[in-house]
N, C-alpha and C. Protein backbone atom coordinates (compact mmCIF):
# COMPACT_ATOMS: atom_id res chain seq x y z
N MET A 1 0.83 -1.19 0.00
CA MET A 1 0.00 0.00 0.00
C MET A 1 0.87 1.25 0.00
N SER A 2 0.42 2.26 -0.70
CA SER A 2 1.14 3.51 -0.77
C SER A 2 0.81 4.38 0.43
N SER A 3 1.78 5.16 0.87
CA SER A 3 1.50 6.06 1.98
C SER A 3 1.36 7.50 1.50
N ALA A 4 1.46 7.72 0.19
CA ALA A 4 1.31 9.06 -0.36
C ALA A 4 -0.17 9.40 -0.51
N PRO A 5 -0.53 10.68 -0.32
CA PRO A 5 -1.93 11.06 -0.50
C PRO A 5 -2.41 10.76 -1.92
N LEU A 6 -3.66 10.37 -2.06
CA LEU A 6 -4.23 10.06 -3.35
C LEU A 6 -5.01 11.24 -3.89
N PRO A 7 -5.06 11.41 -5.22
CA PRO A 7 -5.83 12.49 -5.82
C PRO A 7 -7.30 12.36 -5.46
N GLY A 8 -7.98 13.46 -5.26
CA GLY A 8 -9.40 13.45 -4.97
C GLY A 8 -9.74 13.14 -3.52
N THR A 9 -8.74 12.78 -2.74
CA THR A 9 -8.96 12.48 -1.32
C THR A 9 -7.82 13.12 -0.54
N PRO A 10 -7.89 14.43 -0.30
CA PRO A 10 -6.78 15.13 0.34
C PRO A 10 -6.30 14.45 1.61
N GLY A 11 -5.02 14.09 1.62
CA GLY A 11 -4.41 13.46 2.79
C GLY A 11 -4.71 11.99 2.94
N ALA A 12 -5.56 11.41 2.09
CA ALA A 12 -5.91 9.99 2.21
C ALA A 12 -4.88 9.14 1.48
N THR A 13 -4.59 7.99 2.05
CA THR A 13 -3.70 7.04 1.40
C THR A 13 -4.54 5.96 0.73
N GLU A 14 -3.89 5.06 -0.02
CA GLU A 14 -4.63 3.99 -0.67
C GLU A 14 -5.34 3.12 0.37
N ALA A 15 -4.69 2.91 1.51
CA ALA A 15 -5.32 2.13 2.58
C ALA A 15 -6.58 2.84 3.09
N ASP A 16 -6.53 4.17 3.20
CA ASP A 16 -7.71 4.93 3.63
C ASP A 16 -8.84 4.79 2.62
N VAL A 17 -8.51 4.87 1.33
CA VAL A 17 -9.53 4.75 0.30
C VAL A 17 -10.12 3.35 0.31
N ASP A 18 -9.27 2.31 0.51
CA ASP A 18 -9.79 0.95 0.63
C ASP A 18 -10.76 0.85 1.80
N GLU A 19 -10.42 1.47 2.94
CA GLU A 19 -11.28 1.44 4.11
C GLU A 19 -12.59 2.17 3.85
N MET A 20 -12.51 3.32 3.13
CA MET A 20 -13.74 4.05 2.80
C MET A 20 -14.63 3.19 1.92
N GLY A 21 -14.03 2.45 0.97
CA GLY A 21 -14.81 1.57 0.10
C GLY A 21 -15.48 0.47 0.89
N ARG A 22 -14.76 -0.14 1.84
CA ARG A 22 -15.36 -1.19 2.66
C ARG A 22 -16.50 -0.63 3.50
N ALA A 23 -16.34 0.57 4.03
CA ALA A 23 -17.39 1.18 4.84
C ALA A 23 -18.63 1.44 3.99
N ALA A 24 -18.43 1.68 2.71
CA ALA A 24 -19.56 1.93 1.81
C ALA A 24 -20.08 0.63 1.20
N GLY A 25 -19.56 -0.52 1.66
CA GLY A 25 -20.01 -1.80 1.14
C GLY A 25 -19.34 -2.20 -0.15
N GLN A 26 -18.23 -1.56 -0.50
CA GLN A 26 -17.52 -1.86 -1.74
C GLN A 26 -16.18 -2.51 -1.42
N ASP A 27 -16.20 -3.78 -1.03
CA ASP A 27 -14.96 -4.41 -0.63
C ASP A 27 -14.26 -5.13 -1.77
N VAL A 28 -14.63 -4.83 -3.00
CA VAL A 28 -13.99 -5.43 -4.16
C VAL A 28 -13.29 -4.33 -4.95
N LYS A 29 -12.07 -4.62 -5.42
CA LYS A 29 -11.38 -3.65 -6.27
C LYS A 29 -12.17 -3.49 -7.56
N PRO A 30 -12.26 -2.26 -8.07
CA PRO A 30 -12.92 -2.07 -9.36
C PRO A 30 -12.15 -2.84 -10.43
N VAL A 31 -12.87 -3.36 -11.41
CA VAL A 31 -12.21 -4.06 -12.51
C VAL A 31 -11.97 -3.06 -13.63
N VAL A 32 -10.72 -2.67 -13.77
CA VAL A 32 -10.35 -1.69 -14.79
C VAL A 32 -10.15 -2.43 -16.10
N ILE A 33 -10.87 -1.98 -17.13
CA ILE A 33 -10.81 -2.64 -18.43
C ILE A 33 -10.09 -1.80 -19.48
N GLY A 34 -9.67 -0.60 -19.11
CA GLY A 34 -8.91 0.24 -20.03
C GLY A 34 -8.33 1.43 -19.31
N LYS A 35 -7.25 1.98 -19.86
CA LYS A 35 -6.65 3.20 -19.30
C LYS A 35 -6.12 4.04 -20.43
N HIS A 36 -6.10 5.35 -20.20
CA HIS A 36 -5.58 6.28 -21.20
C HIS A 36 -5.03 7.50 -20.45
N ALA A 37 -3.78 7.81 -20.69
CA ALA A 37 -3.17 8.98 -20.06
C ALA A 37 -3.43 10.20 -20.94
N LEU A 38 -4.15 11.19 -20.39
CA LEU A 38 -4.35 12.44 -21.11
C LEU A 38 -3.08 13.28 -21.03
N ALA A 39 -2.34 13.08 -19.97
CA ALA A 39 -1.03 13.69 -19.73
C ALA A 39 -0.34 12.80 -18.71
N ARG A 40 0.92 13.06 -18.42
CA ARG A 40 1.63 12.20 -17.47
C ARG A 40 0.93 12.16 -16.12
N ARG A 41 0.30 13.26 -15.72
CA ARG A 41 -0.34 13.32 -14.41
C ARG A 41 -1.86 13.38 -14.46
N VAL A 42 -2.44 13.02 -15.58
CA VAL A 42 -3.90 12.95 -15.72
C VAL A 42 -4.25 11.62 -16.38
N LEU A 43 -5.00 10.80 -15.66
CA LEU A 43 -5.30 9.45 -16.13
C LEU A 43 -6.81 9.23 -16.22
N VAL A 44 -7.24 8.56 -17.28
CA VAL A 44 -8.63 8.16 -17.45
C VAL A 44 -8.65 6.64 -17.45
N VAL A 45 -9.58 6.06 -16.69
CA VAL A 45 -9.71 4.61 -16.67
C VAL A 45 -11.15 4.21 -17.01
N ALA A 46 -11.28 3.10 -17.71
CA ALA A 46 -12.58 2.51 -18.01
C ALA A 46 -12.77 1.36 -17.03
N VAL A 47 -13.95 1.30 -16.43
CA VAL A 47 -14.25 0.31 -15.40
C VAL A 47 -15.54 -0.41 -15.79
N ASN A 48 -15.55 -1.74 -15.60
CA ASN A 48 -16.80 -2.45 -15.91
C ASN A 48 -17.80 -2.24 -14.78
N CYS A 49 -19.07 -2.34 -15.12
CA CYS A 49 -20.15 -2.26 -14.14
C CYS A 49 -21.22 -3.26 -14.56
N VAL A 50 -22.26 -3.39 -13.78
CA VAL A 50 -23.29 -4.40 -14.07
C VAL A 50 -23.91 -4.20 -15.44
N GLU A 51 -24.19 -2.96 -15.80
CA GLU A 51 -24.87 -2.67 -17.06
C GLU A 51 -23.93 -2.55 -18.25
N GLY A 52 -22.62 -2.42 -18.02
CA GLY A 52 -21.68 -2.21 -19.13
C GLY A 52 -20.35 -1.69 -18.63
N TRP A 53 -20.08 -0.40 -18.91
CA TRP A 53 -18.82 0.20 -18.48
C TRP A 53 -19.02 1.68 -18.21
N THR A 54 -18.04 2.28 -17.54
CA THR A 54 -18.04 3.72 -17.29
C THR A 54 -16.58 4.17 -17.20
N ALA A 55 -16.35 5.48 -17.26
CA ALA A 55 -14.97 6.00 -17.25
C ALA A 55 -14.83 7.09 -16.18
N TYR A 56 -13.66 7.12 -15.57
CA TYR A 56 -13.33 8.09 -14.53
C TYR A 56 -12.01 8.76 -14.86
N CYS A 57 -11.86 10.01 -14.44
CA CYS A 57 -10.65 10.78 -14.70
C CYS A 57 -10.20 11.44 -13.41
N ASP A 58 -8.88 11.49 -13.20
CA ASP A 58 -8.35 12.16 -12.01
C ASP A 58 -6.87 12.46 -12.23
N ALA A 59 -6.35 13.34 -11.41
CA ALA A 59 -4.92 13.64 -11.40
C ALA A 59 -4.21 12.52 -10.64
N VAL A 60 -3.01 12.20 -11.09
CA VAL A 60 -2.20 11.15 -10.45
C VAL A 60 -0.77 11.66 -10.30
N PRO A 61 0.03 11.02 -9.45
CA PRO A 61 1.44 11.42 -9.34
C PRO A 61 2.20 11.25 -10.66
N GLY A 62 1.79 10.30 -11.49
CA GLY A 62 2.42 10.11 -12.78
C GLY A 62 3.68 9.26 -12.75
N LYS A 63 3.87 8.53 -11.67
CA LYS A 63 5.08 7.70 -11.56
C LYS A 63 4.87 6.28 -12.07
N ASN A 64 3.66 5.72 -11.89
CA ASN A 64 3.37 4.37 -12.34
C ASN A 64 1.86 4.25 -12.56
N HIS A 65 1.42 4.45 -13.80
CA HIS A 65 -0.01 4.43 -14.10
C HIS A 65 -0.67 3.10 -13.77
N ASP A 66 0.09 2.00 -13.88
CA ASP A 66 -0.50 0.69 -13.55
C ASP A 66 -0.89 0.60 -12.08
N LYS A 67 -0.17 1.26 -11.21
CA LYS A 67 -0.52 1.27 -9.79
C LYS A 67 -1.52 2.37 -9.46
N GLU A 68 -1.52 3.45 -10.22
CA GLU A 68 -2.37 4.61 -9.92
C GLU A 68 -3.79 4.46 -10.45
N LEU A 69 -4.01 3.53 -11.35
CA LEU A 69 -5.33 3.45 -11.99
C LEU A 69 -6.44 3.06 -11.04
N TYR A 70 -6.16 2.27 -10.01
CA TYR A 70 -7.24 1.88 -9.08
C TYR A 70 -7.72 3.06 -8.23
N ALA A 71 -6.81 3.97 -7.90
CA ALA A 71 -7.22 5.18 -7.17
C ALA A 71 -8.13 6.04 -8.04
N VAL A 72 -7.82 6.12 -9.34
CA VAL A 72 -8.67 6.88 -10.26
C VAL A 72 -10.05 6.23 -10.35
N ALA A 73 -10.09 4.91 -10.42
CA ALA A 73 -11.36 4.20 -10.50
C ALA A 73 -12.21 4.42 -9.25
N ARG A 74 -11.56 4.57 -8.10
CA ARG A 74 -12.29 4.75 -6.83
C ARG A 74 -12.69 6.19 -6.57
N THR A 75 -11.83 7.13 -6.91
CA THR A 75 -12.06 8.51 -6.47
C THR A 75 -12.17 9.52 -7.61
N GLY A 76 -12.00 9.08 -8.85
CA GLY A 76 -12.04 10.01 -9.98
C GLY A 76 -13.43 10.51 -10.29
N CYS A 77 -13.49 11.50 -11.15
CA CYS A 77 -14.77 12.07 -11.60
C CYS A 77 -15.28 11.26 -12.78
N LYS A 78 -16.55 10.89 -12.72
CA LYS A 78 -17.15 10.13 -13.81
C LYS A 78 -17.28 11.03 -15.03
N LEU A 79 -16.87 10.50 -16.18
CA LEU A 79 -16.95 11.26 -17.42
C LEU A 79 -18.33 11.11 -18.06
N HIS A 80 -18.75 12.16 -18.78
CA HIS A 80 -19.98 12.07 -19.56
C HIS A 80 -19.74 11.10 -20.71
N GLU A 81 -20.79 10.41 -21.12
CA GLU A 81 -20.66 9.35 -22.12
C GLU A 81 -19.98 9.79 -23.42
N PRO A 82 -20.32 10.94 -24.02
CA PRO A 82 -19.65 11.31 -25.28
C PRO A 82 -18.13 11.47 -25.13
N ILE A 83 -17.71 12.00 -23.99
CA ILE A 83 -16.27 12.17 -23.76
C ILE A 83 -15.62 10.80 -23.57
N ALA A 84 -16.25 9.95 -22.76
CA ALA A 84 -15.71 8.61 -22.51
C ALA A 84 -15.63 7.81 -23.81
N GLN A 85 -16.66 7.90 -24.64
CA GLN A 85 -16.67 7.17 -25.92
C GLN A 85 -15.56 7.64 -26.85
N SER A 86 -15.25 8.94 -26.80
CA SER A 86 -14.18 9.44 -27.67
C SER A 86 -12.80 8.97 -27.20
N ILE A 87 -12.65 8.73 -25.91
CA ILE A 87 -11.37 8.25 -25.38
C ILE A 87 -11.24 6.74 -25.56
N PHE A 88 -12.36 6.02 -25.44
CA PHE A 88 -12.36 4.56 -25.57
C PHE A 88 -13.32 4.13 -26.69
N PRO A 89 -12.99 4.40 -27.95
CA PRO A 89 -13.92 4.07 -29.04
C PRO A 89 -14.14 2.56 -29.21
N SER A 90 -13.24 1.74 -28.71
CA SER A 90 -13.42 0.29 -28.84
C SER A 90 -14.59 -0.23 -28.00
N PHE A 91 -15.11 0.58 -27.08
CA PHE A 91 -16.24 0.17 -26.25
C PHE A 91 -17.57 0.72 -26.79
N ALA A 92 -17.58 1.19 -28.02
CA ALA A 92 -18.77 1.84 -28.60
C ALA A 92 -20.01 0.95 -28.58
N ASN A 93 -19.84 -0.35 -28.72
CA ASN A 93 -21.00 -1.25 -28.77
C ASN A 93 -21.40 -1.80 -27.41
N ILE A 94 -20.75 -1.32 -26.35
CA ILE A 94 -21.07 -1.74 -24.98
C ILE A 94 -21.80 -0.60 -24.30
N PRO A 95 -22.91 -0.85 -23.60
CA PRO A 95 -23.66 0.22 -22.94
C PRO A 95 -22.82 0.95 -21.91
N TYR A 96 -23.03 2.28 -21.83
CA TYR A 96 -22.36 3.10 -20.83
C TYR A 96 -23.26 3.19 -19.60
N CYS A 97 -22.69 2.92 -18.44
CA CYS A 97 -23.49 2.93 -17.19
C CYS A 97 -23.96 4.34 -16.86
N PRO A 98 -25.21 4.45 -16.43
CA PRO A 98 -25.74 5.77 -16.04
C PRO A 98 -25.09 6.31 -14.79
């Protein structure tokens, strides 16, 4: 677990975000099905959901996107469908979660 603060959760560490997820009844890691770096420190991830998929965006430290993507999936801002579809066109035939 990282001890550095995570984006979108001032002062929170990955362990804190995991604990917040468990408290909210979300004790499973999100299943990330795609990632796209808009910049070194801005990451967008596609996550599966019951109805299809959705995308989240957040600032990251930019040191290791493979490790940072779960924090984006947990705490990032959900993207509007047209923006998400333009970033992940390969998911065009899969429903976007409301």
